[in-house]
């Protein structure tokens, strides 16, 4: 196959055509796709219509697969596949990076569309490396010295519109094993060597900073992440597969399709333990290394 890579955003995103992901991918093409992911952060493949086995085979070109999730059950018979479906409390309409509450978050996420509403349900992506580069010098210096606590214990009490028996049941599963991890606010992508802001909705506070001050600082930094110049909005079609570098992006699933059905399948790729600008690695505050979910990359 002859691969063509076309940029679709000013600072983030490319569409790849000429690839049939239902077939085995050559080592040369796999390396080209991997390099494109590191450069563009988000890759879009239209009209692939993969099954779960083909999806996992494709995701494996980026590295070792994780299990579906540290706490949420997988699709029946597919230990590496997580169903992402509409439902109260399960709609990821907050800017986040996947599974940052464990010490070695995924390197990459692959998501394919099975059922898409006739309107709404887009996914937005943000380039966190561009956000870091946008910071004024004094903010960049501050961010580079900060560490954040990430946790899977999401506080729904702060979002009363989500409170229901169904949401409570989902949250009990999601936080059935509690994870708390200290990550640098600025991490370095090991493939590109480029620093980026490593924050998002799993952050519960800044270490050594009061809760009030921490929220203000995080709000300021997050503003740079979600500047329109740093974002891409993907309008799903059935059969799409989208891949993003989970080390240098955040994403947000727009909750604007009411009770219409929306279902996707997700496969993630194991990542390394993040490290800061001075090389200090992330550390566990509570829980374990979650090696049942993501084998640590050395």
Foldseek 3Di string as FASTA:
>chain_A
DDWDWAADAPQAEIEIPPDALQDQDDLVVLVVVLVVQVRRQKYKYPQNQHDPVSQVNSQCSNHAWFFCALFDQADPPGRQKHKQKDDQQSAQAWWAQPPPLFQWGFQKKKKAWADDDPDAFKKKKFFQLQLLVPDDPVLNVVLLVWKFKFKQQQDCVVVVVRDDPVNVVVNCRSVVDIGIKIARQWWADVVPRGIGGHDIDRTQFIPPDDNVVGVVSVVVSVCSRVDVNGMDIGDDDHNMMMMGRSRGMIMGTTPDRPPDITMMMMITHTGARTAGPVGHTMDTPGDDNSCNGHPHDD
